[in-house]
PDB file of all heavy atoms in Angstrom:
ATOM      1  N   ASP A   1    -162.532 -11.913 134.387  1.00  0.00           N
ATOM      2  CA  ASP A   1    -161.464 -11.871 133.381  1.00  0.00           C
ATOM      3  C   ASP A   1    -160.119 -12.219 134.006  1.00  0.00           C
ATOM      4  O   ASP A   1    -159.314 -12.954 133.425  1.00  0.00           O
ATOM      5  CB  ASP A   1    -161.396 -10.487 132.739  1.00  0.00           C
ATOM      6  CG  ASP A   1    -162.547 -10.223 131.792  1.00  0.00           C
ATOM      7  OD1 ASP A   1    -163.177 -11.199 131.335  1.00  0.00           O
ATOM      8  OD2 ASP A   1    -162.830  -9.036 131.510  1.00  0.00           O
ATOM      9  N   ARG A   2    -159.863 -11.688 135.191  1.00  0.00           N
ATOM     10  CA  ARG A   2    -158.587 -11.914 135.859  1.00  0.00           C
ATOM     11  C   ARG A   2    -158.378 -13.399 136.149  1.00  0.00           C
ATOM     12  O   ARG A   2    -157.253 -13.910 136.095  1.00  0.00           O
ATOM     13  CB  ARG A   2    -158.543 -11.111 137.161  1.00  0.00           C
ATOM     14  CG  ARG A   2    -157.144 -10.935 137.758  1.00  0.00           C
ATOM     15  CD  ARG A   2    -157.203 -10.077 139.008  1.00  0.00           C
ATOM     16  NE  ARG A   2    -157.966  -8.845 138.772  1.00  0.00           N
ATOM     17  CZ  ARG A   2    -158.593  -8.165 139.734  1.00  0.00           C
ATOM     18  NH1 ARG A   2    -158.552  -8.593 140.989  1.00  0.00           N
ATOM     19  NH2 ARG A   2    -159.241  -7.063 139.437  1.00  0.00           N
ATOM     20  N   GLU A   3    -159.463 -14.101 136.442  1.00  0.00           N
ATOM     21  CA  GLU A   3    -159.358 -15.527 136.770  1.00  0.00           C
ATOM     22  C   GLU A   3    -159.563 -16.428 135.559  1.00  0.00           C
ATOM     23  O   GLU A   3    -159.524 -17.651 135.679  1.00  0.00           O
ATOM     24  CB  GLU A   3    -160.379 -15.889 137.860  1.00  0.00           C
ATOM     25  CG  GLU A   3    -160.215 -15.110 139.156  1.00  0.00           C
ATOM     26  CD  GLU A   3    -158.864 -15.305 139.811  1.00  0.00           C
ATOM     27  OE1 GLU A   3    -158.183 -16.318 139.494  1.00  0.00           O
ATOM     28  OE2 GLU A   3    -158.467 -14.463 140.631  1.00  0.00           O
ATOM     29  N   GLY A   4    -159.815 -15.837 134.387  1.00  0.00           N
ATOM     30  CA  GLY A   4    -160.004 -16.633 133.178  1.00  0.00           C
ATOM     31  C   GLY A   4    -161.314 -17.396 133.147  1.00  0.00           C
ATOM     32  O   GLY A   4    -161.424 -18.432 132.477  1.00  0.00           O
ATOM     33  N   ILE A   5    -162.314 -16.903 133.843  1.00  0.00           N
ATOM     34  CA  ILE A   5    -163.622 -17.562 133.859  1.00  0.00           C
ATOM     35  C   ILE A   5    -164.464 -16.987 132.728  1.00  0.00           C
ATOM     36  O   ILE A   5    -164.668 -15.773 132.653  1.00  0.00           O
ATOM     37  CB  ILE A   5    -164.311 -17.369 135.223  1.00  0.00           C
ATOM     38  CG1 ILE A   5    -163.485 -18.063 136.318  1.00  0.00           C
ATOM     39  CG2 ILE A   5    -165.734 -17.921 135.198  1.00  0.00           C
ATOM     40  CD1 ILE A   5    -163.948 -17.768 137.727  1.00  0.00           C
ATOM     41  N   PRO A   6    -164.958 -17.829 131.815  1.00  0.00           N
ATOM     42  CA  PRO A   6    -165.622 -17.318 130.607  1.00  0.00           C
ATOM     43  C   PRO A   6    -166.975 -16.694 130.893  1.00  0.00           C
ATOM     44  O   PRO A   6    -167.797 -17.240 131.623  1.00  0.00           O
ATOM     45  CB  PRO A   6    -165.771 -18.567 129.742  1.00  0.00           C
ATOM     46  CG  PRO A   6    -165.821 -19.697 130.713  1.00  0.00           C
ATOM     47  CD  PRO A   6    -164.915 -19.310 131.841  1.00  0.00           C
ATOM     48  N   HIS A   7    -167.187 -15.540 130.314  1.00  0.00           N
ATOM     49  CA  HIS A   7    -168.498 -14.900 130.377  1.00  0.00           C
ATOM     50  C   HIS A   7    -168.725 -14.180 129.058  1.00  0.00           C
ATOM     51  O   HIS A   7    -167.782 -13.746 128.389  1.00  0.00           O
ATOM     52  CB  HIS A   7    -168.586 -13.934 131.561  1.00  0.00           C
ATOM     53  CG  HIS A   7    -167.566 -12.840 131.534  1.00  0.00           C
ATOM     54  ND1 HIS A   7    -167.829 -11.575 131.054  1.00  0.00           N
ATOM     55  CD2 HIS A   7    -166.265 -12.824 131.918  1.00  0.00           C
ATOM     56  CE1 HIS A   7    -166.744 -10.828 131.158  1.00  0.00           C
ATOM     57  NE2 HIS A   7    -165.778 -11.560 131.675  1.00  0.00           N
ATOM     58  N   MET A   8    -169.983 -14.081 128.684  1.00  0.00           N
ATOM     59  CA  MET A   8    -170.320 -13.489 127.398  1.00  0.00           C
ATOM     60  C   MET A   8    -170.230 -11.972 127.486  1.00  0.00           C
ATOM     61  O   MET A   8    -170.786 -11.351 128.396  1.00  0.00           O
ATOM     62  CB  MET A   8    -171.722 -13.911 126.970  1.00  0.00           C
ATOM     63  CG  MET A   8    -171.866 -15.404 126.749  1.00  0.00           C
ATOM     64  SD  MET A   8    -173.537 -15.885 126.259  1.00  0.00           S
ATOM     65  CE  MET A   8    -173.600 -15.206 124.599  1.00  0.00           C
ATOM     66  N   ALA A   9    -169.529 -11.375 126.540  1.00  0.00           N
ATOM     67  CA  ALA A   9    -169.421  -9.915 126.485  1.00  0.00           C
ATOM     68  C   ALA A   9    -170.743  -9.317 126.024  1.00  0.00           C
ATOM     69  O   ALA A   9    -171.370  -9.805 125.077  1.00  0.00           O
ATOM     70  CB  ALA A   9    -168.293  -9.515 125.540  1.00  0.00           C
ATOM     71  N   ASN A  10    -171.185  -8.278 126.701  1.00  0.00           N
ATOM     72  CA  ASN A  10    -172.360  -7.528 126.269  1.00  0.00           C
ATOM     73  C   ASN A  10    -172.321  -6.155 126.926  1.00  0.00           C
ATOM     74  O   ASN A  10    -171.433  -5.865 127.732  1.00  0.00           O
ATOM     75  CB  ASN A  10    -173.659  -8.280 126.606  1.00  0.00           C
ATOM     76  CG  ASN A  10    -173.828  -8.522 128.098  1.00  0.00           C
ATOM     77  OD1 ASN A  10    -173.697  -7.614 128.920  1.00  0.00           O
ATOM     78  ND2 ASN A  10    -174.123  -9.764 128.474  1.00  0.00           N
ATOM     79  N   ASP A  11    -173.273  -5.316 126.585  1.00  0.00           N
ATOM     80  CA  ASP A  11    -173.306  -3.950 127.111  1.00  0.00           C
ATOM     81  C   ASP A  11    -174.400  -3.767 128.159  1.00  0.00           C
ATOM     82  O   ASP A  11    -174.853  -2.644 128.398  1.00  0.00           O
ATOM     83  CB  ASP A  11    -173.532  -2.953 125.966  1.00  0.00           C
ATOM     84  CG  ASP A  11    -172.367  -2.923 124.994  1.00  0.00           C
ATOM     85  OD1 ASP A  11    -171.213  -3.019 125.459  1.00  0.00           O
ATOM     86  OD2 ASP A  11    -172.609  -2.823 123.776  1.00  0.00           O
ATOM     87  N   SER A  12    -174.819  -4.865 128.782  1.00  0.00           N
ATOM     88  CA  SER A  12    -175.911  -4.777 129.750  1.00  0.00           C
ATOM     89  C   SER A  12    -175.448  -5.196 131.137  1.00  0.00           C
ATOM     90  O   SER A  12    -174.264  -5.423 131.387  1.00  0.00           O
ATOM     91  CB  SER A  12    -177.092  -5.646 129.299  1.00  0.00           C
ATOM     92  OG  SER A  12    -176.832  -7.015 129.557  1.00  0.00           O
ATOM     93  N   HIS A  13    -176.400  -5.338 132.023  1.00  0.00           N
ATOM     94  CA  HIS A  13    -176.170  -5.710 133.416  1.00  0.00           C
ATOM     95  C   HIS A  13    -176.174  -7.215 133.637  1.00  0.00           C
ATOM     96  O   HIS A  13    -175.983  -7.664 134.771  1.00  0.00           O
ATOM     97  CB  HIS A  13    -177.275  -5.091 134.275  1.00  0.00           C
ATOM     98  CG  HIS A  13    -178.651  -5.520 133.840  1.00  0.00           C
ATOM     99  ND1 HIS A  13    -179.263  -4.999 132.716  1.00  0.00           N
ATOM    100  CD2 HIS A  13    -179.514  -6.434 134.345  1.00  0.00           C
ATOM    101  CE1 HIS A  13    -180.448  -5.571 132.559  1.00  0.00           C
ATOM    102  NE2 HIS A  13    -180.624  -6.434 133.531  1.00  0.00           N
ATOM    103  N   ILE A  14    -176.408  -7.989 132.601  1.00  0.00           N
ATOM    104  CA  ILE A  14    -176.526  -9.445 132.703  1.00  0.00           C
ATOM    105  C   ILE A  14    -175.179 -10.080 132.380  1.00  0.00           C
ATOM    106  O   ILE A  14    -174.592  -9.789 131.333  1.00  0.00           O
ATOM    107  CB  ILE A  14    -177.625  -9.963 131.758  1.00  0.00           C
ATOM    108  CG1 ILE A  14    -178.988  -9.394 132.186  1.00  0.00           C
ATOM    109  CG2 ILE A  14    -177.655 -11.487 131.733  1.00  0.00           C
ATOM    110  CD1 ILE A  14    -180.078  -9.554 131.149  1.00  0.00           C
ATOM    111  N   VAL A  15    -174.691 -10.945 133.270  1.00  0.00           N
ATOM    112  CA  VAL A  15    -173.374 -11.566 133.108  1.00  0.00           C
ATOM    113  C   VAL A  15    -173.560 -13.078 132.962  1.00  0.00           C
ATOM    114  O   VAL A  15    -173.661 -13.806 133.952  1.00  0.00           O
ATOM    115  CB  VAL A  15    -172.456 -11.258 134.302  1.00  0.00           C
ATOM    116  CG1 VAL A  15    -171.063 -11.845 134.068  1.00  0.00           C
ATOM    117  CG2 VAL A  15    -172.376  -9.751 134.551  1.00  0.00           C
ATOM    118  N   PRO A  16    -173.630 -13.591 131.727  1.00  0.00           N
ATOM    119  CA  PRO A  16    -173.779 -15.036 131.528  1.00  0.00           C
ATOM    120  C   PRO A  16    -172.409 -15.731 131.583  1.00  0.00           C
ATOM    121  O   PRO A  16    -171.504 -15.393 130.818  1.00  0.00           O
ATOM    122  CB  PRO A  16    -174.383 -15.150 130.124  1.00  0.00           C
ATOM    123  CG  PRO A  16    -174.670 -13.737 129.677  1.00  0.00           C
ATOM    124  CD  PRO A  16    -173.737 -12.863 130.461  1.00  0.00           C
ATOM    125  N   VAL A  17    -172.262 -16.680 132.498  1.00  0.00           N
ATOM    126  CA  VAL A  17    -171.048 -17.483 132.595  1.00  0.00           C
ATOM    127  C   VAL A  17    -171.331 -18.830 131.927  1.00  0.00           C
ATOM    128  O   VAL A  17    -172.133 -19.626 132.412  1.00  0.00           O
ATOM    129  CB  VAL A  17    -170.624 -17.669 134.063  1.00  0.00           C
ATOM    130  CG1 VAL A  17    -169.465 -18.658 134.172  1.00  0.00           C
ATOM    131  CG2 VAL A  17    -170.232 -16.335 134.675  1.00  0.00           C
ATOM    132  N   LEU A  18    -170.677 -19.058 130.801  1.00  0.00           N
ATOM    133  CA  LEU A  18    -170.960 -20.232 129.988  1.00  0.00           C
ATOM    134  C   LEU A  18    -170.318 -21.494 130.550  1.00  0.00           C
ATOM    135  O   LEU A  18    -169.145 -21.484 130.920  1.00  0.00           O
ATOM    136  CB  LEU A  18    -170.461 -20.009 128.562  1.00  0.00           C
ATOM    137  CG  LEU A  18    -171.222 -18.958 127.743  1.00  0.00           C
ATOM    138  CD1 LEU A  18    -170.547 -18.745 126.412  1.00  0.00           C
ATOM    139  CD2 LEU A  18    -172.671 -19.378 127.547  1.00  0.00           C
ATOM    140  N   ILE A  19    -171.087 -22.580 130.561  1.00  0.00           N
ATOM    141  CA  ILE A  19    -170.574 -23.887 130.978  1.00  0.00           C
ATOM    142  C   ILE A  19    -170.800 -24.926 129.876  1.00  0.00           C
ATOM    143  O   ILE A  19    -169.990 -25.826 129.671  1.00  0.00           O
ATOM    144  CB  ILE A  19    -171.218 -24.312 132.307  1.00  0.00           C
ATOM    145  CG1 ILE A  19    -170.814 -23.306 133.395  1.00  0.00           C
ATOM    146  CG2 ILE A  19    -170.798 -25.724 132.701  1.00  0.00           C
ATOM    147  CD1 ILE A  19    -171.553 -23.444 134.686  1.00  0.00           C
ATOM    148  N   LYS A  20    -171.915 -24.802 129.156  1.00  0.00           N
ATOM    149  CA  LYS A  20    -172.180 -25.576 127.936  1.00  0.00           C
ATOM    150  C   LYS A  20    -172.446 -27.054 128.189  1.00  0.00           C
ATOM    151  O   LYS A  20    -172.312 -27.866 127.279  1.00  0.00           O
ATOM    152  CB  LYS A  20    -171.031 -25.414 126.929  1.00  0.00           C
ATOM    153  CG  LYS A  20    -170.734 -23.979 126.554  1.00  0.00           C
ATOM    154  CD  LYS A  20    -169.618 -23.912 125.535  1.00  0.00           C
ATOM    155  CE  LYS A  20    -169.278 -22.484 125.208  1.00  0.00           C
ATOM    156  NZ  LYS A  20    -168.192 -22.382 124.234  1.00  0.00           N
ATOM    157  N   ASP A  21    -172.809 -27.397 129.385  1.00  0.00           N
ATOM    158  CA  ASP A  21    -173.156 -28.769 129.711  1.00  0.00           C
ATOM    159  C   ASP A  21    -174.198 -28.730 130.824  1.00  0.00           C
ATOM    160  O   ASP A  21    -173.943 -28.148 131.882  1.00  0.00           O
ATOM    161  CB  ASP A  21    -171.920 -29.543 130.165  1.00  0.00           C
ATOM    162  CG  ASP A  21    -172.239 -30.982 130.542  1.00  0.00           C
ATOM    163  OD1 ASP A  21    -172.682 -31.210 131.687  1.00  0.00           O
ATOM    164  OD2 ASP A  21    -172.062 -31.853 129.685  1.00  0.00           O
ATOM    165  N   PRO A  22    -175.373 -29.342 130.621  1.00  0.00           N
ATOM    166  CA  PRO A  22    -176.433 -29.205 131.620  1.00  0.00           C
ATOM    167  C   PRO A  22    -176.097 -29.859 132.958  1.00  0.00           C
ATOM    168  O   PRO A  22    -176.443 -29.330 134.019  1.00  0.00           O
ATOM    169  CB  PRO A  22    -177.638 -29.880 130.949  1.00  0.00           C
ATOM    170  CG  PRO A  22    -177.063 -30.785 129.917  1.00  0.00           C
ATOM    171  CD  PRO A  22    -175.804 -30.116 129.444  1.00  0.00           C
ATOM    172  N   VAL A  23    -175.423 -30.998 132.923  1.00  0.00           N
ATOM    173  CA  VAL A  23    -175.104 -31.705 134.161  1.00  0.00           C
ATOM    174  C   VAL A  23    -174.078 -30.920 134.969  1.00  0.00           C
ATOM    175  O   VAL A  23    -174.214 -30.734 136.193  1.00  0.00           O
ATOM    176  CB  VAL A  23    -174.600 -33.130 133.856  1.00  0.00           C
ATOM    177  CG1 VAL A  23    -174.148 -33.832 135.128  1.00  0.00           C
ATOM    178  CG2 VAL A  23    -175.691 -33.931 133.158  1.00  0.00           C
ATOM    179  N   LYS A  24    -173.029 -30.431 134.297  1.00  0.00           N
ATOM    180  CA  LYS A  24    -172.012 -29.648 135.002  1.00  0.00           C
ATOM    181  C   LYS A  24    -172.582 -28.324 135.516  1.00  0.00           C
ATOM    182  O   LYS A  24    -172.210 -27.857 136.605  1.00  0.00           O
ATOM    183  CB  LYS A  24    -170.816 -29.383 134.084  1.00  0.00           C
ATOM    184  CG  LYS A  24    -169.927 -30.599 133.875  1.00  0.00           C
ATOM    185  CD  LYS A  24    -168.711 -30.246 133.034  1.00  0.00           C
ATOM    186  CE  LYS A  24    -167.781 -31.454 132.888  1.00  0.00           C
ATOM    187  NZ  LYS A  24    -166.592 -31.134 132.062  1.00  0.00           N
ATOM    188  N   THR A  25    -173.469 -27.720 134.746  1.00  0.00           N
ATOM    189  CA  THR A  25    -174.073 -26.464 135.188  1.00  0.00           C
ATOM    190  C   THR A  25    -174.852 -26.672 136.480  1.00  0.00           C
ATOM    191  O   THR A  25    -174.717 -25.898 137.437  1.00  0.00           O
ATOM    192  CB  THR A  25    -175.008 -25.897 134.100  1.00  0.00           C
ATOM    193  OG1 THR A  25    -174.292 -25.775 132.868  1.00  0.00           O
ATOM    194  CG2 THR A  25    -175.541 -24.531 134.493  1.00  0.00           C
TER     195      THR A  25
END
């Protein structure tokens, strides 16, 4: 959050960082 890197909010231990492009990922 401090660095502005997007991740999906949830209540679990899994932290998905979204990129939305297969090549860039």
